[in-house]
Amino acid sequence: MSNSKQAVLTSMNIWNIEDKELLSLLIAREGGKTTRRIIDKLLNKPYNKHQLAKKLKLDYKTISHHIDMIEEHDYATKVTIGKITYYQPSKKLFNSLDEYKFIKEYLKNNK
């Protein structure tokens, strides 16, 4: 992250974030914490729903619900290899990555 962008984000109020859709997805819902955990995993490498359920110790139905929501908002894309569908971060998420990190930091410091 560039110093100027870091300075802007540091001085920002959480409600001044441009990507209101991301803000809503992550903090304006009860399941925002689970959604953030899934996005964090996807930022490291692509996963399928079963892998995420096992890695995050959540049931498949919960993972499926959150992945579907993340994908519906275009923050993840799916790639099918053979019979297995993997999910990875979308360009939209990468374009909002600084704001995503800011939201996570804000939540960490304002529990």
N, C-alpha and C. Protein backbone atom coordinates (compact mmCIF):
# COMPACT_ATOMS: atom_id res chain seq x y z
N MET A 1 0.86 -1.16 0.00
CA MET A 1 0.00 0.00 0.00
C MET A 1 0.91 1.23 0.00
N SER A 2 0.58 2.20 -0.84
CA SER A 2 1.40 3.41 -0.90
C SER A 2 1.20 4.24 0.36
N ASN A 3 2.19 5.05 0.69
CA ASN A 3 2.12 5.88 1.89
C ASN A 3 0.96 6.85 1.84
N SER A 4 0.69 7.43 0.66
CA SER A 4 -0.41 8.39 0.56
C SER A 4 -1.76 7.69 0.75
N LYS A 5 -1.90 6.50 0.19
CA LYS A 5 -3.16 5.76 0.36
C LYS A 5 -3.30 5.34 1.82
N GLN A 6 -2.20 4.91 2.45
CA GLN A 6 -2.23 4.53 3.87
C GLN A 6 -2.65 5.72 4.72
N ALA A 7 -2.12 6.90 4.41
CA ALA A 7 -2.47 8.10 5.18
C ALA A 7 -3.94 8.43 5.04
N VAL A 8 -4.47 8.30 3.84
CA VAL A 8 -5.89 8.56 3.61
C VAL A 8 -6.74 7.58 4.40
N LEU A 9 -6.40 6.30 4.33
CA LEU A 9 -7.18 5.29 5.05
C LEU A 9 -7.06 5.48 6.56
N THR A 10 -5.88 5.83 7.04
CA THR A 10 -5.68 6.02 8.47
C THR A 10 -6.55 7.16 8.99
N SER A 11 -6.68 8.21 8.21
CA SER A 11 -7.46 9.37 8.64
C SER A 11 -8.96 9.20 8.38
N MET A 12 -9.34 8.11 7.74
CA MET A 12 -10.74 7.91 7.38
C MET A 12 -11.58 7.45 8.55
N ASN A 13 -12.80 7.84 8.50
CA ASN A 13 -13.83 7.30 9.36
C ASN A 13 -14.36 6.06 8.64
N ILE A 14 -14.71 5.05 9.37
CA ILE A 14 -15.18 3.80 8.75
C ILE A 14 -16.33 4.04 7.78
N TRP A 15 -17.16 5.02 8.05
CA TRP A 15 -18.34 5.26 7.20
C TRP A 15 -18.00 6.05 5.95
N ASN A 16 -16.75 6.47 5.80
CA ASN A 16 -16.32 7.17 4.60
C ASN A 16 -15.76 6.22 3.54
N ILE A 17 -15.77 4.96 3.82
CA ILE A 17 -15.27 3.98 2.86
C ILE A 17 -16.11 4.05 1.59
N GLU A 18 -15.45 4.03 0.46
CA GLU A 18 -16.14 4.15 -0.82
C GLU A 18 -16.96 2.90 -1.15
N ASP A 19 -16.42 1.74 -0.86
CA ASP A 19 -17.09 0.48 -1.21
C ASP A 19 -18.11 0.12 -0.12
N LYS A 20 -19.27 0.77 -0.19
CA LYS A 20 -20.32 0.56 0.81
C LYS A 20 -20.85 -0.88 0.79
N GLU A 21 -20.81 -1.48 -0.37
CA GLU A 21 -21.27 -2.87 -0.49
C GLU A 21 -20.37 -3.79 0.34
N LEU A 22 -19.07 -3.58 0.25
CA LEU A 22 -18.13 -4.38 1.04
C LEU A 22 -18.32 -4.10 2.52
N LEU A 23 -18.48 -2.84 2.87
CA LEU A 23 -18.70 -2.45 4.26
C LEU A 23 -19.94 -3.15 4.82
N SER A 24 -21.00 -3.13 4.06
CA SER A 24 -22.25 -3.77 4.48
C SER A 24 -22.07 -5.28 4.63
N LEU A 25 -21.39 -5.89 3.68
CA LEU A 25 -21.18 -7.34 3.71
C LEU A 25 -20.38 -7.76 4.94
N LEU A 26 -19.44 -6.93 5.36
CA LEU A 26 -18.53 -7.31 6.44
C LEU A 26 -18.95 -6.89 7.83
N ILE A 27 -19.68 -5.77 7.97
CA ILE A 27 -19.99 -5.33 9.33
C ILE A 27 -21.46 -5.06 9.60
N ALA A 28 -22.26 -4.93 8.60
CA ALA A 28 -23.67 -4.60 8.84
C ALA A 28 -24.54 -5.85 8.93
N ARG A 29 -23.90 -7.01 8.99
CA ARG A 29 -24.63 -8.27 9.08
C ARG A 29 -24.09 -9.08 10.25
N GLU A 30 -24.94 -9.91 10.79
CA GLU A 30 -24.53 -10.77 11.90
C GLU A 30 -23.42 -11.74 11.49
N GLY A 31 -23.43 -12.20 10.26
CA GLY A 31 -22.46 -13.19 9.79
C GLY A 31 -21.19 -12.60 9.21
N GLY A 32 -20.95 -11.31 9.43
CA GLY A 32 -19.79 -10.65 8.85
C GLY A 32 -18.47 -11.26 9.25
N LYS A 33 -18.37 -11.73 10.48
CA LYS A 33 -17.12 -12.34 10.95
C LYS A 33 -16.80 -13.60 10.15
N THR A 34 -17.79 -14.43 9.91
CA THR A 34 -17.58 -15.65 9.12
C THR A 34 -17.21 -15.29 7.69
N THR A 35 -17.87 -14.30 7.14
CA THR A 35 -17.56 -13.86 5.78
C THR A 35 -16.11 -13.38 5.69
N ARG A 36 -15.65 -12.63 6.69
CA ARG A 36 -14.26 -12.17 6.71
C ARG A 36 -13.29 -13.34 6.81
N ARG A 37 -13.61 -14.33 7.63
CA ARG A 37 -12.74 -15.50 7.76
C ARG A 37 -12.60 -16.23 6.42
N ILE A 38 -13.71 -16.34 5.70
CA ILE A 38 -13.68 -17.01 4.39
C ILE A 38 -12.86 -16.19 3.40
N ILE A 39 -13.09 -14.89 3.35
CA ILE A 39 -12.33 -14.04 2.43
C ILE A 39 -10.84 -14.12 2.74
N ASP A 40 -10.49 -14.12 4.01
CA ASP A 40 -9.07 -14.23 4.38
C ASP A 40 -8.45 -15.50 3.81
N LYS A 41 -9.17 -16.60 3.90
CA LYS A 41 -8.66 -17.86 3.36
C LYS A 41 -8.52 -17.78 1.84
N LEU A 42 -9.53 -17.22 1.18
CA LEU A 42 -9.49 -17.13 -0.28
C LEU A 42 -8.36 -16.22 -0.76
N LEU A 43 -8.00 -15.24 0.04
CA LEU A 43 -6.89 -14.36 -0.35
C LEU A 43 -5.56 -15.09 -0.34
N ASN A 44 -5.49 -16.22 0.37
CA ASN A 44 -4.25 -17.01 0.41
C ASN A 44 -4.16 -18.00 -0.73
N LYS A 45 -5.29 -18.62 -1.07
CA LYS A 45 -5.31 -19.59 -2.17
C LYS A 45 -6.76 -19.97 -2.46
N PRO A 46 -7.03 -20.50 -3.64
CA PRO A 46 -8.40 -20.95 -3.95
C PRO A 46 -8.78 -22.17 -3.11
N TYR A 47 -10.04 -22.22 -2.73
CA TYR A 47 -10.58 -23.35 -1.98
C TYR A 47 -11.93 -23.74 -2.57
N ASN A 48 -12.32 -25.01 -2.36
CA ASN A 48 -13.70 -25.36 -2.63
C ASN A 48 -14.47 -25.31 -1.30
N LYS A 49 -15.76 -25.46 -1.36
CA LYS A 49 -16.59 -25.30 -0.15
C LYS A 49 -16.25 -26.34 0.91
N HIS A 50 -15.99 -27.57 0.49
CA HIS A 50 -15.66 -28.63 1.47
C HIS A 50 -14.34 -28.32 2.18
N GLN A 51 -13.36 -27.85 1.42
CA GLN A 51 -12.07 -27.50 2.02
C GLN A 51 -12.22 -26.37 3.03
N LEU A 52 -13.01 -25.36 2.66
CA LEU A 52 -13.23 -24.24 3.58
C LEU A 52 -13.93 -24.70 4.85
N ALA A 53 -14.92 -25.56 4.71
CA ALA A 53 -15.65 -26.06 5.88
C ALA A 53 -14.69 -26.78 6.83
N LYS A 54 -13.83 -27.59 6.28
CA LYS A 54 -12.88 -28.33 7.10
C LYS A 54 -11.85 -27.38 7.72
N LYS A 55 -11.30 -26.48 6.92
CA LYS A 55 -10.26 -25.57 7.38
C LYS A 55 -10.77 -24.62 8.47
N LEU A 56 -12.00 -24.13 8.31
CA LEU A 56 -12.56 -23.17 9.26
C LEU A 56 -13.40 -23.83 10.35
N LYS A 57 -13.52 -25.16 10.28
CA LYS A 57 -14.29 -25.93 11.27
C LYS A 57 -15.74 -25.41 11.36
N LEU A 58 -16.34 -25.24 10.18
CA LEU A 58 -17.75 -24.84 10.07
C LEU A 58 -18.47 -25.86 9.21
N ASP A 59 -19.78 -25.93 9.35
CA ASP A 59 -20.50 -26.90 8.53
C ASP A 59 -20.61 -26.39 7.09
N TYR A 60 -20.79 -27.35 6.19
CA TYR A 60 -20.82 -27.07 4.76
C TYR A 60 -21.93 -26.07 4.42
N LYS A 61 -23.08 -26.20 5.04
CA LYS A 61 -24.21 -25.32 4.74
C LYS A 61 -23.88 -23.86 5.06
N THR A 62 -23.19 -23.63 6.17
CA THR A 62 -22.77 -22.27 6.54
C THR A 62 -21.80 -21.72 5.51
N ILE A 63 -20.79 -22.51 5.16
CA ILE A 63 -19.81 -22.08 4.16
C ILE A 63 -20.51 -21.79 2.84
N SER A 64 -21.39 -22.66 2.44
CA SER A 64 -22.10 -22.49 1.17
C SER A 64 -22.89 -21.18 1.15
N HIS A 65 -23.57 -20.89 2.25
CA HIS A 65 -24.35 -19.65 2.35
C HIS A 65 -23.44 -18.43 2.18
N HIS A 66 -22.32 -18.41 2.89
CA HIS A 66 -21.42 -17.26 2.85
C HIS A 66 -20.71 -17.14 1.50
N ILE A 67 -20.26 -18.24 0.96
CA ILE A 67 -19.61 -18.21 -0.37
C ILE A 67 -20.59 -17.70 -1.41
N ASP A 68 -21.83 -18.18 -1.35
CA ASP A 68 -22.83 -17.72 -2.32
C ASP A 68 -23.04 -16.21 -2.20
N MET A 69 -23.05 -15.70 -0.98
CA MET A 69 -23.23 -14.27 -0.76
C MET A 69 -22.02 -13.49 -1.26
N ILE A 70 -20.83 -13.98 -0.97
CA ILE A 70 -19.60 -13.32 -1.44
C ILE A 70 -19.57 -13.29 -2.96
N GLU A 71 -19.94 -14.40 -3.56
CA GLU A 71 -19.95 -14.49 -5.02
C GLU A 71 -21.05 -13.60 -5.61
N GLU A 72 -22.20 -13.57 -4.97
CA GLU A 72 -23.32 -12.74 -5.44
C GLU A 72 -22.94 -11.26 -5.49
N HIS A 73 -22.07 -10.85 -4.55
CA HIS A 73 -21.61 -9.46 -4.52
C HIS A 73 -20.34 -9.26 -5.35
N ASP A 74 -19.95 -10.28 -6.07
CA ASP A 74 -18.80 -10.23 -6.99
C ASP A 74 -17.45 -10.04 -6.30
N TYR A 75 -17.32 -10.54 -5.07
CA TYR A 75 -16.02 -10.49 -4.39
C TYR A 75 -15.27 -11.80 -4.52
N ALA A 76 -15.89 -12.80 -5.11
CA ALA A 76 -15.23 -14.07 -5.39
C ALA A 76 -15.72 -14.56 -6.75
N THR A 77 -14.86 -15.30 -7.40
CA THR A 77 -15.23 -15.94 -8.66
C THR A 77 -14.98 -17.43 -8.52
N LYS A 78 -15.73 -18.20 -9.27
CA LYS A 78 -15.52 -19.65 -9.20
C LYS A 78 -14.83 -20.15 -10.45
N VAL A 79 -14.01 -21.15 -10.22
CA VAL A 79 -13.27 -21.80 -11.29
C VAL A 79 -13.53 -23.29 -11.13
N THR A 80 -14.02 -23.92 -12.19
CA THR A 80 -14.30 -25.34 -12.13
C THR A 80 -13.20 -26.10 -12.85
N ILE A 81 -12.62 -27.05 -12.12
CA ILE A 81 -11.59 -27.92 -12.68
C ILE A 81 -12.12 -29.34 -12.54
N GLY A 82 -12.42 -29.96 -13.66
CA GLY A 82 -13.06 -31.27 -13.62
C GLY A 82 -14.43 -31.14 -12.99
N LYS A 83 -14.65 -31.84 -11.90
CA LYS A 83 -15.94 -31.80 -11.20
C LYS A 83 -15.90 -30.93 -9.95
N ILE A 84 -14.76 -30.31 -9.70
CA ILE A 84 -14.59 -29.54 -8.46
C ILE A 84 -14.62 -28.04 -8.76
N THR A 85 -15.41 -27.31 -7.99
CA THR A 85 -15.50 -25.86 -8.13
C THR A 85 -14.71 -25.20 -7.01
N TYR A 86 -13.76 -24.39 -7.39
CA TYR A 86 -12.94 -23.62 -6.45
C TYR A 86 -13.37 -22.16 -6.49
N TYR A 87 -13.12 -21.47 -5.40
CA TYR A 87 -13.45 -20.04 -5.31
C TYR A 87 -12.16 -19.28 -5.05
N GLN A 88 -12.06 -18.13 -5.70
CA GLN A 88 -10.89 -17.28 -5.56
C GLN A 88 -11.34 -15.83 -5.52
N PRO A 89 -10.49 -14.94 -5.01
CA PRO A 89 -10.87 -13.52 -4.95
C PRO A 89 -11.09 -12.97 -6.37
N SER A 90 -12.04 -12.09 -6.48
CA SER A 90 -12.32 -11.46 -7.78
C SER A 90 -11.49 -10.20 -7.95
N LYS A 91 -11.50 -9.67 -9.15
CA LYS A 91 -10.83 -8.39 -9.40
C LYS A 91 -11.44 -7.30 -8.52
N LYS A 92 -12.75 -7.37 -8.34
CA LYS A 92 -13.44 -6.37 -7.51
C LYS A 92 -12.88 -6.38 -6.09
N LEU A 93 -12.65 -7.57 -5.52
CA LEU A 93 -12.09 -7.65 -4.18
C LEU A 93 -10.67 -7.11 -4.16
N PHE A 94 -9.86 -7.49 -5.15
CA PHE A 94 -8.49 -6.98 -5.19
C PHE A 94 -8.48 -5.45 -5.33
N ASN A 95 -9.44 -4.90 -6.06
CA ASN A 95 -9.51 -3.44 -6.20
C ASN A 95 -9.92 -2.76 -4.89
N SER A 96 -10.56 -3.50 -4.00
CA SER A 96 -11.00 -2.95 -2.71
C SER A 96 -10.16 -3.49 -1.55
N LEU A 97 -9.03 -4.06 -1.85
CA LEU A 97 -8.23 -4.74 -0.83
C LEU A 97 -7.78 -3.79 0.29
N ASP A 98 -7.38 -2.58 -0.05
CA ASP A 98 -6.97 -1.63 0.99
C ASP A 98 -8.14 -1.32 1.92
N GLU A 99 -9.31 -1.15 1.37
CA GLU A 99 -10.48 -0.88 2.20
C GLU A 99 -10.85 -2.11 3.03
N TYR A 100 -10.71 -3.29 2.45
CA TYR A 100 -10.96 -4.53 3.19
C TYR A 100 -10.04 -4.60 4.42
N LYS A 101 -8.77 -4.32 4.20
CA LYS A 101 -7.81 -4.36 5.31
C LYS A 101 -8.14 -3.29 6.35
N PHE A 102 -8.56 -2.12 5.90
CA PHE A 102 -8.93 -1.05 6.82
C PHE A 102 -10.14 -1.46 7.67
N ILE A 103 -11.14 -2.07 7.04
CA ILE A 103 -12.33 -2.52 7.77
C ILE A 103 -11.93 -3.54 8.83
N LYS A 104 -11.08 -4.50 8.45
CA LYS A 104 -10.64 -5.52 9.41
C LYS A 104 -9.89 -4.88 10.58
N GLU A 105 -9.02 -3.93 10.29
CA GLU A 105 -8.27 -3.25 11.34
C GLU A 105 -9.21 -2.45 12.23
N TYR A 106 -10.16 -1.79 11.64
CA TYR A 106 -11.15 -1.02 12.40
C TYR A 106 -11.90 -1.94 13.37
N LEU A 107 -12.33 -3.09 12.87
CA LEU A 107 -13.08 -4.04 13.72
C LEU A 107 -12.20 -4.60 14.84
N LYS A 108 -10.95 -4.83 14.52
CA LYS A 108 -10.00 -5.34 15.53
C LYS A 108 -9.82 -4.34 16.67
N ASN A 109 -9.77 -3.07 16.32
CA ASN A 109 -9.51 -2.02 17.31
C ASN A 109 -10.77 -1.47 17.98
N ASN A 110 -11.93 -1.84 17.48
CA ASN A 110 -13.20 -1.29 18.00
C ASN A 110 -14.19 -2.39 18.34
N LYS A 111 -13.74 -3.36 19.10
CA LYS A 111 -14.61 -4.48 19.47
C LYS A 111 -15.64 -4.05 20.47
